[in-house]
Amino acid sequence: MVFKCCVPGCKSNYASTKNEKHVSIFYFPRHEELLASWLRNIPRKHWSPRKSSRVCEFHFDPKFISKFEEVTDADGNCKRMPCQHPILLPNAVPIVFTGLPSYLSAPVEPERRTNPAKRQKLINGRHEQAASDFMSKDIVSNFDDFVKEYRNFIHFSLLIFEVTHLSELLESV
């Protein structure tokens, strides 16, 4: 069964477009928030999708559609293989509606990179914060506290250890 696109004005996979190639279509998402985003973007008032409702690939920015799949073979080598059917990436939302008024299509903004110096400063700040958080939690006030923490950390069924004081070690020598 060939499914058709439910977007108003779209004729993907209709019988009247026999000369055109088959267009990939995608199910509506099950995740409620993502579904709400799809319904908010698709220009249909007072409508909810049925089980047979689909949206074609023309309504998604190409960067949200994967036509390749990463496959790891037995040797651990990663290979890029073409998919039989394109895959819609997570969190993709239909935003392209050609043939409709321009206010119904949201242009895709290119991803803008921040200044490398600002990015490095942000990364360094995160590292410093993580290090200070670790150091504030990693306090050993005396040897007995260390032993207690070590015993809680190590499973007793695997290891048996004995604590001796330095003076006992010196006496045995």
N, C-alpha and C. Protein backbone atom coordinates (compact mmCIF):
# COMPACT_ATOMS: atom_id res chain seq x y z
N MET A 1 0.84 -1.18 0.00
CA MET A 1 0.00 0.00 0.00
C MET A 1 0.88 1.24 0.00
N VAL A 2 0.59 2.15 -0.89
CA VAL A 2 1.35 3.38 -0.99
C VAL A 2 0.64 4.46 -0.18
N PHE A 3 1.33 5.00 0.81
CA PHE A 3 0.74 6.05 1.64
C PHE A 3 0.99 7.40 1.01
N LYS A 4 0.08 8.31 1.28
CA LYS A 4 0.16 9.66 0.74
C LYS A 4 0.46 10.64 1.86
N CYS A 5 0.97 11.78 1.48
CA CYS A 5 1.30 12.81 2.45
C CYS A 5 0.02 13.52 2.88
N CYS A 6 -0.08 13.83 4.18
CA CYS A 6 -1.28 14.46 4.71
C CYS A 6 -1.19 15.98 4.77
N VAL A 7 -0.09 16.56 4.34
CA VAL A 7 0.07 18.01 4.38
C VAL A 7 -0.78 18.64 3.28
N PRO A 8 -1.56 19.68 3.60
CA PRO A 8 -2.40 20.32 2.58
C PRO A 8 -1.59 20.81 1.38
N GLY A 9 -2.07 20.52 0.21
CA GLY A 9 -1.43 20.96 -1.01
C GLY A 9 -0.33 20.04 -1.51
N CYS A 10 0.07 19.07 -0.74
CA CYS A 10 1.14 18.15 -1.15
C CYS A 10 0.52 16.98 -1.90
N LYS A 11 1.09 16.63 -3.03
CA LYS A 11 0.57 15.53 -3.86
C LYS A 11 1.55 14.37 -3.94
N SER A 12 2.41 14.22 -2.94
CA SER A 12 3.38 13.13 -2.94
C SER A 12 2.67 11.78 -2.87
N ASN A 13 3.08 10.88 -3.79
CA ASN A 13 2.59 9.50 -3.89
C ASN A 13 1.12 9.39 -4.31
N TYR A 14 0.56 10.44 -4.88
CA TYR A 14 -0.81 10.36 -5.42
C TYR A 14 -0.77 9.77 -6.82
N ALA A 15 -1.86 9.19 -7.26
CA ALA A 15 -1.96 8.54 -8.58
C ALA A 15 -1.74 9.55 -9.70
N SER A 16 -2.11 10.81 -9.47
CA SER A 16 -1.97 11.83 -10.52
C SER A 16 -0.51 12.18 -10.78
N THR A 17 0.38 11.76 -9.91
CA THR A 17 1.81 12.07 -10.08
C THR A 17 2.58 10.79 -10.42
N LYS A 18 2.06 9.99 -11.34
CA LYS A 18 2.68 8.72 -11.68
C LYS A 18 4.07 8.87 -12.27
N ASN A 19 4.32 9.96 -12.96
CA ASN A 19 5.61 10.15 -13.60
C ASN A 19 6.72 10.43 -12.58
N GLU A 20 6.33 10.89 -11.41
CA GLU A 20 7.33 11.20 -10.39
C GLU A 20 7.70 9.94 -9.62
N LYS A 21 8.90 9.94 -9.06
CA LYS A 21 9.34 8.77 -8.30
C LYS A 21 8.62 8.69 -6.96
N HIS A 22 8.66 7.50 -6.40
CA HIS A 22 8.06 7.28 -5.08
C HIS A 22 8.78 8.13 -4.04
N VAL A 23 8.03 8.75 -3.16
CA VAL A 23 8.58 9.63 -2.14
C VAL A 23 8.51 8.91 -0.79
N SER A 24 9.57 9.01 -0.02
CA SER A 24 9.57 8.41 1.32
C SER A 24 8.65 9.19 2.24
N ILE A 25 7.94 8.46 3.06
CA ILE A 25 7.03 9.09 4.00
C ILE A 25 7.36 8.58 5.40
N PHE A 26 6.94 9.36 6.40
CA PHE A 26 7.28 9.04 7.78
C PHE A 26 6.04 9.06 8.66
N TYR A 27 6.01 8.12 9.62
CA TYR A 27 4.95 8.06 10.61
C TYR A 27 5.00 9.28 11.51
N PHE A 28 3.88 9.59 12.12
CA PHE A 28 3.87 10.61 13.15
C PHE A 28 4.54 10.06 14.40
N PRO A 29 5.23 10.89 15.15
CA PRO A 29 5.93 10.39 16.34
C PRO A 29 4.96 9.99 17.45
N ARG A 30 5.39 9.09 18.30
CA ARG A 30 4.58 8.66 19.44
C ARG A 30 4.81 9.54 20.65
N HIS A 31 5.99 10.14 20.73
CA HIS A 31 6.33 11.01 21.85
C HIS A 31 5.42 12.24 21.81
N GLU A 32 4.73 12.51 22.90
CA GLU A 32 3.69 13.55 22.90
C GLU A 32 4.21 14.94 22.58
N GLU A 33 5.36 15.31 23.13
CA GLU A 33 5.90 16.65 22.88
C GLU A 33 6.29 16.82 21.42
N LEU A 34 6.92 15.80 20.86
CA LEU A 34 7.32 15.87 19.46
C LEU A 34 6.09 15.87 18.56
N LEU A 35 5.09 15.06 18.89
CA LEU A 35 3.84 15.04 18.13
C LEU A 35 3.18 16.41 18.16
N ALA A 36 3.17 17.06 19.30
CA ALA A 36 2.59 18.40 19.41
C ALA A 36 3.32 19.39 18.51
N SER A 37 4.66 19.26 18.42
CA SER A 37 5.44 20.14 17.54
C SER A 37 5.07 19.89 16.08
N TRP A 38 4.91 18.63 15.70
CA TRP A 38 4.52 18.31 14.33
C TRP A 38 3.16 18.91 14.02
N LEU A 39 2.21 18.71 14.91
CA LEU A 39 0.85 19.20 14.66
C LEU A 39 0.80 20.72 14.64
N ARG A 40 1.63 21.36 15.46
CA ARG A 40 1.69 22.82 15.47
C ARG A 40 2.24 23.35 14.15
N ASN A 41 3.19 22.63 13.55
CA ASN A 41 3.82 23.09 12.32
C ASN A 41 3.01 22.77 11.06
N ILE A 42 2.32 21.65 11.05
CA ILE A 42 1.55 21.28 9.86
C ILE A 42 0.32 22.17 9.78
N PRO A 43 0.17 22.88 8.67
CA PRO A 43 -0.91 23.88 8.57
C PRO A 43 -2.30 23.26 8.34
N ARG A 44 -2.83 22.60 9.35
CA ARG A 44 -4.19 22.06 9.31
C ARG A 44 -4.85 22.39 10.65
N LYS A 45 -5.98 23.04 10.59
CA LYS A 45 -6.69 23.42 11.81
C LYS A 45 -7.65 22.31 12.23
N HIS A 46 -7.74 22.12 13.54
CA HIS A 46 -8.70 21.18 14.13
C HIS A 46 -8.59 19.80 13.48
N TRP A 47 -7.37 19.29 13.42
CA TRP A 47 -7.12 18.01 12.79
C TRP A 47 -6.19 17.20 13.68
N SER A 48 -6.42 15.92 13.73
CA SER A 48 -5.49 15.03 14.43
C SER A 48 -5.18 13.85 13.51
N PRO A 49 -3.96 13.37 13.55
CA PRO A 49 -3.56 12.30 12.62
C PRO A 49 -4.22 10.96 12.96
N ARG A 50 -4.47 10.19 11.91
CA ARG A 50 -4.96 8.81 12.08
C ARG A 50 -3.78 7.87 11.96
N LYS A 51 -4.03 6.59 12.10
CA LYS A 51 -2.94 5.61 11.98
C LYS A 51 -2.33 5.63 10.59
N SER A 52 -3.11 5.96 9.60
CA SER A 52 -2.62 5.96 8.22
C SER A 52 -2.01 7.30 7.80
N SER A 53 -2.02 8.29 8.66
CA SER A 53 -1.48 9.61 8.31
C SER A 53 0.04 9.57 8.29
N ARG A 54 0.61 10.19 7.26
CA ARG A 54 2.06 10.24 7.09
C ARG A 54 2.44 11.63 6.57
N VAL A 55 3.74 11.93 6.70
CA VAL A 55 4.29 13.18 6.18
C VAL A 55 5.48 12.80 5.30
N CYS A 56 5.54 13.37 4.10
CA CYS A 56 6.61 13.00 3.16
C CYS A 56 7.91 13.74 3.46
N GLU A 57 8.96 13.24 2.83
CA GLU A 57 10.31 13.77 3.06
C GLU A 57 10.50 15.21 2.61
N PHE A 58 9.64 15.70 1.73
CA PHE A 58 9.79 17.07 1.22
C PHE A 58 9.53 18.12 2.29
N HIS A 59 8.89 17.74 3.41
CA HIS A 59 8.54 18.71 4.44
C HIS A 59 9.57 18.77 5.57
N PHE A 60 10.68 18.07 5.39
CA PHE A 60 11.75 18.08 6.39
C PHE A 60 13.01 18.64 5.76
N ASP A 61 13.76 19.35 6.55
CA ASP A 61 15.05 19.82 6.09
C ASP A 61 15.92 18.59 5.83
N PRO A 62 16.67 18.57 4.73
CA PRO A 62 17.48 17.38 4.39
C PRO A 62 18.45 16.96 5.50
N LYS A 63 18.86 17.87 6.36
CA LYS A 63 19.80 17.48 7.42
C LYS A 63 19.14 16.59 8.47
N PHE A 64 17.80 16.50 8.47
CA PHE A 64 17.09 15.66 9.43
C PHE A 64 16.76 14.27 8.86
N ILE A 65 17.17 14.00 7.63
CA ILE A 65 16.88 12.72 6.99
C ILE A 65 18.21 12.03 6.70
N SER A 66 18.34 10.81 7.20
CA SER A 66 19.56 10.04 6.98
C SER A 66 19.29 8.98 5.92
N LYS A 67 20.11 8.98 4.88
CA LYS A 67 19.98 7.98 3.83
C LYS A 67 21.09 6.94 3.92
N PHE A 68 21.88 7.04 5.00
CA PHE A 68 22.96 6.10 5.24
C PHE A 68 22.88 5.58 6.66
N GLU A 69 23.43 4.40 6.87
CA GLU A 69 23.44 3.78 8.19
C GLU A 69 24.86 3.38 8.53
N GLU A 70 25.27 3.66 9.76
CA GLU A 70 26.59 3.27 10.24
C GLU A 70 26.52 1.83 10.72
N VAL A 71 27.36 0.96 10.15
CA VAL A 71 27.38 -0.46 10.51
C VAL A 71 28.79 -0.82 10.96
N THR A 72 28.87 -1.51 12.10
CA THR A 72 30.17 -1.97 12.60
C THR A 72 30.29 -3.46 12.32
N ASP A 73 31.35 -3.86 11.61
CA ASP A 73 31.51 -5.28 11.28
C ASP A 73 32.19 -6.01 12.43
N ALA A 74 32.43 -7.30 12.26
CA ALA A 74 32.99 -8.14 13.31
C ALA A 74 34.39 -7.69 13.73
N ASP A 75 35.12 -7.06 12.82
CA ASP A 75 36.48 -6.59 13.13
C ASP A 75 36.48 -5.26 13.86
N GLY A 76 35.31 -4.64 14.03
CA GLY A 76 35.21 -3.35 14.71
C GLY A 76 35.32 -2.17 13.76
N ASN A 77 35.38 -2.43 12.46
CA ASN A 77 35.46 -1.36 11.48
C ASN A 77 34.07 -0.79 11.24
N CYS A 78 33.96 0.52 11.23
CA CYS A 78 32.68 1.18 11.02
C CYS A 78 32.54 1.51 9.53
N LYS A 79 31.42 1.07 8.95
CA LYS A 79 31.19 1.31 7.53
C LYS A 79 29.88 2.05 7.36
N ARG A 80 29.82 2.87 6.35
CA ARG A 80 28.62 3.65 6.05
C ARG A 80 27.92 2.99 4.86
N MET A 81 26.70 2.51 5.13
CA MET A 81 25.95 1.76 4.11
C MET A 81 24.68 2.54 3.76
N PRO A 82 24.29 2.56 2.49
CA PRO A 82 23.04 3.24 2.13
C PRO A 82 21.84 2.46 2.68
N CYS A 83 20.85 3.21 3.16
CA CYS A 83 19.63 2.60 3.70
C CYS A 83 18.68 2.27 2.55
N GLN A 84 17.89 1.26 2.74
CA GLN A 84 16.87 0.94 1.75
C GLN A 84 15.77 2.01 1.80
N HIS A 85 15.45 2.45 3.01
CA HIS A 85 14.47 3.51 3.20
C HIS A 85 15.11 4.60 4.06
N PRO A 86 14.97 5.86 3.70
CA PRO A 86 15.55 6.93 4.52
C PRO A 86 15.02 6.88 5.95
N ILE A 87 15.84 7.34 6.88
CA ILE A 87 15.49 7.34 8.30
C ILE A 87 15.38 8.78 8.77
N LEU A 88 14.32 9.07 9.48
CA LEU A 88 14.12 10.39 10.05
C LEU A 88 14.87 10.45 11.38
N LEU A 89 15.72 11.45 11.54
CA LEU A 89 16.51 11.57 12.76
C LEU A 89 15.63 12.01 13.93
N PRO A 90 16.03 11.68 15.15
CA PRO A 90 15.24 12.06 16.32
C PRO A 90 15.06 13.57 16.40
N ASN A 91 13.94 13.99 16.91
CA ASN A 91 13.58 15.41 17.11
C ASN A 91 13.42 16.18 15.81
N ALA A 92 13.26 15.49 14.69
CA ALA A 92 13.00 16.17 13.42
C ALA A 92 11.55 16.63 13.39
N VAL A 93 11.34 17.81 12.88
CA VAL A 93 10.00 18.39 12.81
C VAL A 93 9.78 18.90 11.39
N PRO A 94 8.60 18.67 10.80
CA PRO A 94 8.35 19.20 9.45
C PRO A 94 8.29 20.73 9.48
N ILE A 95 9.10 21.35 8.62
CA ILE A 95 9.15 22.82 8.60
C ILE A 95 9.10 23.38 7.19
N VAL A 96 9.15 22.54 6.17
CA VAL A 96 9.19 23.01 4.79
C VAL A 96 7.83 22.74 4.15
N PHE A 97 7.15 23.81 3.73
CA PHE A 97 5.83 23.68 3.12
C PHE A 97 5.79 24.52 1.85
N THR A 98 6.33 23.97 0.75
CA THR A 98 6.35 24.69 -0.51
C THR A 98 4.95 24.73 -1.10
N GLY A 99 4.65 25.76 -1.83
CA GLY A 99 3.35 25.90 -2.45
C GLY A 99 2.34 26.54 -1.51
N LEU A 100 2.70 26.76 -0.29
CA LEU A 100 1.84 27.42 0.68
C LEU A 100 2.42 28.81 0.96
N PRO A 101 1.66 29.69 1.57
CA PRO A 101 2.21 31.02 1.89
C PRO A 101 3.50 30.90 2.71
N SER A 102 4.41 31.82 2.49
CA SER A 102 5.73 31.73 3.10
C SER A 102 5.68 31.78 4.62
N TYR A 103 4.66 32.38 5.21
CA TYR A 103 4.61 32.45 6.66
C TYR A 103 4.33 31.08 7.28
N LEU A 104 3.92 30.10 6.48
CA LEU A 104 3.68 28.75 6.98
C LEU A 104 4.93 27.89 6.94
N SER A 105 5.99 28.35 6.29
CA SER A 105 7.25 27.62 6.25
C SER A 105 8.28 28.36 7.08
N ALA A 106 8.92 27.64 7.96
CA ALA A 106 9.97 28.24 8.79
C ALA A 106 11.30 27.99 8.10
N PRO A 107 12.04 29.04 7.78
CA PRO A 107 13.35 28.81 7.16
C PRO A 107 14.29 28.14 8.16
N VAL A 108 15.16 27.30 7.66
CA VAL A 108 16.12 26.62 8.52
C VAL A 108 17.34 27.52 8.67
N GLU A 109 17.61 27.87 9.91
CA GLU A 109 18.78 28.70 10.18
C GLU A 109 20.02 27.82 10.18
N PRO A 110 21.07 28.27 9.53
CA PRO A 110 22.30 27.47 9.57
C PRO A 110 22.85 27.46 11.00
N GLU A 111 23.48 26.35 11.36
CA GLU A 111 24.07 26.26 12.68
C GLU A 111 25.26 27.21 12.72
N ARG A 112 25.24 28.07 13.70
CA ARG A 112 26.31 29.05 13.82
C ARG A 112 27.26 28.62 14.92
N ARG A 113 28.51 28.63 14.59
CA ARG A 113 29.52 28.28 15.58
C ARG A 113 29.92 29.53 16.33
N THR A 114 30.18 29.35 17.61
CA THR A 114 30.65 30.48 18.40
C THR A 114 32.15 30.66 18.17
N ASN A 115 32.65 31.75 18.64
CA ASN A 115 34.05 32.09 18.53
C ASN A 115 34.87 30.98 19.22
N PRO A 116 35.92 30.44 18.58
CA PRO A 116 36.71 29.37 19.20
C PRO A 116 37.29 29.75 20.57
N ALA A 117 37.68 31.00 20.74
CA ALA A 117 38.23 31.41 22.03
C ALA A 117 37.15 31.34 23.11
N LYS A 118 35.92 31.73 22.78
CA LYS A 118 34.81 31.65 23.75
C LYS A 118 34.49 30.20 24.07
N ARG A 119 34.50 29.33 23.05
CA ARG A 119 34.23 27.91 23.28
C ARG A 119 35.28 27.32 24.21
N GLN A 120 36.55 27.64 23.96
CA GLN A 120 37.63 27.10 24.79
C GLN A 120 37.51 27.61 26.22
N LYS A 121 37.14 28.87 26.39
CA LYS A 121 36.97 29.43 27.73
C LYS A 121 35.83 28.72 28.46
N LEU A 122 34.74 28.44 27.74
CA LEU A 122 33.60 27.74 28.32
C LEU A 122 33.99 26.31 28.73
N ILE A 123 34.72 25.63 27.86
CA ILE A 123 35.17 24.26 28.17
C ILE A 123 36.10 24.26 29.37
N ASN A 124 37.04 25.20 29.42
CA ASN A 124 37.96 25.29 30.56
C ASN A 124 37.20 25.56 31.85
N GLY A 125 36.18 26.41 31.79
CA GLY A 125 35.37 26.70 32.97
C GLY A 125 34.64 25.46 33.46
N ARG A 126 34.13 24.65 32.53
CA ARG A 126 33.45 23.40 32.92
C ARG A 126 34.43 22.44 33.56
N HIS A 127 35.65 22.34 33.01
CA HIS A 127 36.66 21.45 33.59
C HIS A 127 37.05 21.90 34.99
N GLU A 128 37.23 23.20 35.17
CA GLU A 128 37.60 23.73 36.49
C GLU A 128 36.48 23.47 37.50
N GLN A 129 35.24 23.65 37.08
CA GLN A 129 34.10 23.41 37.96
C GLN A 129 34.03 21.93 38.35
N ALA A 130 34.22 21.05 37.38
CA ALA A 130 34.19 19.61 37.67
C ALA A 130 35.32 19.23 38.63
N ALA A 131 36.49 19.79 38.43
CA ALA A 131 37.62 19.50 39.31
C ALA A 131 37.37 20.01 40.72
N SER A 132 36.83 21.21 40.85
CA SER A 132 36.56 21.74 42.19
C SER A 132 35.45 20.95 42.88
N ASP A 133 34.43 20.50 42.12
CA ASP A 133 33.39 19.67 42.71
C ASP A 133 33.98 18.36 43.22
N PHE A 134 34.85 17.76 42.43
CA PHE A 134 35.49 16.51 42.84
C PHE A 134 36.33 16.72 44.08
N MET A 135 37.14 17.77 44.09
CA MET A 135 38.03 18.01 45.22
C MET A 135 37.26 18.31 46.50
N SER A 136 36.11 18.96 46.39
CA SER A 136 35.33 19.26 47.60
C SER A 136 34.73 17.99 48.20
N LYS A 137 34.49 16.98 47.38
CA LYS A 137 33.93 15.72 47.87
C LYS A 137 35.02 14.72 48.26
N ASP A 138 36.23 14.93 47.81
CA ASP A 138 37.31 13.97 48.03
C ASP A 138 38.20 14.44 49.18
N ILE A 139 37.64 14.42 50.39
CA ILE A 139 38.38 14.88 51.56
C ILE A 139 38.59 13.70 52.49
N VAL A 140 39.83 13.48 52.86
CA VAL A 140 40.18 12.46 53.83
C VAL A 140 40.82 13.19 55.01
N SER A 141 40.13 13.18 56.15
CA SER A 141 40.66 13.92 57.29
C SER A 141 41.65 13.10 58.11
N ASN A 142 41.46 11.78 58.12
CA ASN A 142 42.41 10.93 58.83
C ASN A 142 42.40 9.54 58.21
N PHE A 143 43.30 8.69 58.69
CA PHE A 143 43.46 7.36 58.11
C PHE A 143 42.23 6.49 58.35
N ASP A 144 41.60 6.62 59.51
CA ASP A 144 40.41 5.81 59.81
C ASP A 144 39.27 6.13 58.85
N ASP A 145 39.09 7.41 58.53
CA ASP A 145 38.06 7.79 57.54
C ASP A 145 38.37 7.18 56.18
N PHE A 146 39.65 7.18 55.83
CA PHE A 146 40.06 6.59 54.56
C PHE A 146 39.71 5.11 54.52
N VAL A 147 40.00 4.40 55.61
CA VAL A 147 39.72 2.96 55.66
C VAL A 147 38.22 2.71 55.56
N LYS A 148 37.42 3.51 56.25
CA LYS A 148 35.95 3.35 56.17
C LYS A 148 35.46 3.55 54.74
N GLU A 149 35.92 4.59 54.09
CA GLU A 149 35.50 4.85 52.71
C GLU A 149 35.97 3.74 51.78
N TYR A 150 37.18 3.26 52.01
CA TYR A 150 37.72 2.20 51.17
C TYR A 150 36.93 0.92 51.34
N ARG A 151 36.56 0.60 52.56
CA ARG A 151 35.76 -0.61 52.82
C ARG A 151 34.38 -0.49 52.18
N ASN A 152 33.80 0.68 52.18
CA ASN A 152 32.50 0.87 51.53
C ASN A 152 32.60 0.75 50.02
N PHE A 153 33.75 1.10 49.50
CA PHE A 153 33.96 1.10 48.06
C PHE A 153 34.26 -0.31 47.53
N ILE A 154 35.03 -1.07 48.27
CA ILE A 154 35.46 -2.41 47.85
C ILE A 154 34.48 -3.44 48.40
N HIS A 155 34.15 -4.43 47.59
CA HIS A 155 33.28 -5.52 48.01
C HIS A 155 34.09 -6.48 48.88
N PHE A 156 33.60 -6.76 50.09
CA PHE A 156 34.33 -7.63 51.01
C PHE A 156 34.43 -9.07 50.52
N SER A 157 33.48 -9.51 49.72
CA SER A 157 33.52 -10.88 49.25
C SER A 157 34.70 -11.13 48.31
N LEU A 158 35.21 -10.08 47.70
CA LEU A 158 36.31 -10.23 46.75
C LEU A 158 37.68 -10.05 47.40
N LEU A 159 37.76 -9.15 48.37
CA LEU A 159 39.06 -8.83 48.96
C LEU A 159 39.00 -8.91 50.48
N ILE A 160 40.07 -9.35 51.04
CA ILE A 160 40.22 -9.31 52.49
C ILE A 160 41.49 -8.51 52.75
N PHE A 161 41.38 -7.46 53.53
CA PHE A 161 42.55 -6.67 53.80
C PHE A 161 42.62 -6.38 55.29
N GLU A 162 43.82 -6.10 55.74
CA GLU A 162 44.05 -5.87 57.15
C GLU A 162 44.80 -4.57 57.28
N VAL A 163 44.39 -3.78 58.24
CA VAL A 163 45.04 -2.49 58.47
C VAL A 163 46.00 -2.65 59.63
N THR A 164 47.24 -2.31 59.38
CA THR A 164 48.25 -2.33 60.44
C THR A 164 48.85 -0.94 60.53
N HIS A 165 49.25 -0.59 61.68
CA HIS A 165 49.85 0.73 61.87
C HIS A 165 51.34 0.66 61.59
N LEU A 166 51.89 1.78 61.28
CA LEU A 166 53.30 1.87 60.94
C LEU A 166 54.19 1.34 62.06
N SER A 167 53.80 1.60 63.29
CA SER A 167 54.62 1.15 64.41
C SER A 167 54.66 -0.38 64.47
N GLU A 168 53.54 -1.05 64.12
CA GLU A 168 53.52 -2.51 64.11
C GLU A 168 54.42 -3.06 63.00
N LEU A 169 54.45 -2.36 61.87
CA LEU A 169 55.30 -2.78 60.78
C LEU A 169 56.77 -2.66 61.16
N LEU A 170 57.12 -1.59 61.84
CA LEU A 170 58.53 -1.36 62.23
C LEU A 170 58.97 -2.38 63.26
N GLU A 171 58.07 -2.79 64.15
CA GLU A 171 58.42 -3.77 65.17
C GLU A 171 58.71 -5.14 64.55
N SER A 172 57.99 -5.45 63.48
CA SER A 172 58.17 -6.75 62.87
C SER A 172 59.46 -6.86 62.05
N VAL A 173 60.08 -5.75 61.77
CA VAL A 173 61.30 -5.76 60.96
C VAL A 173 62.51 -6.07 61.75
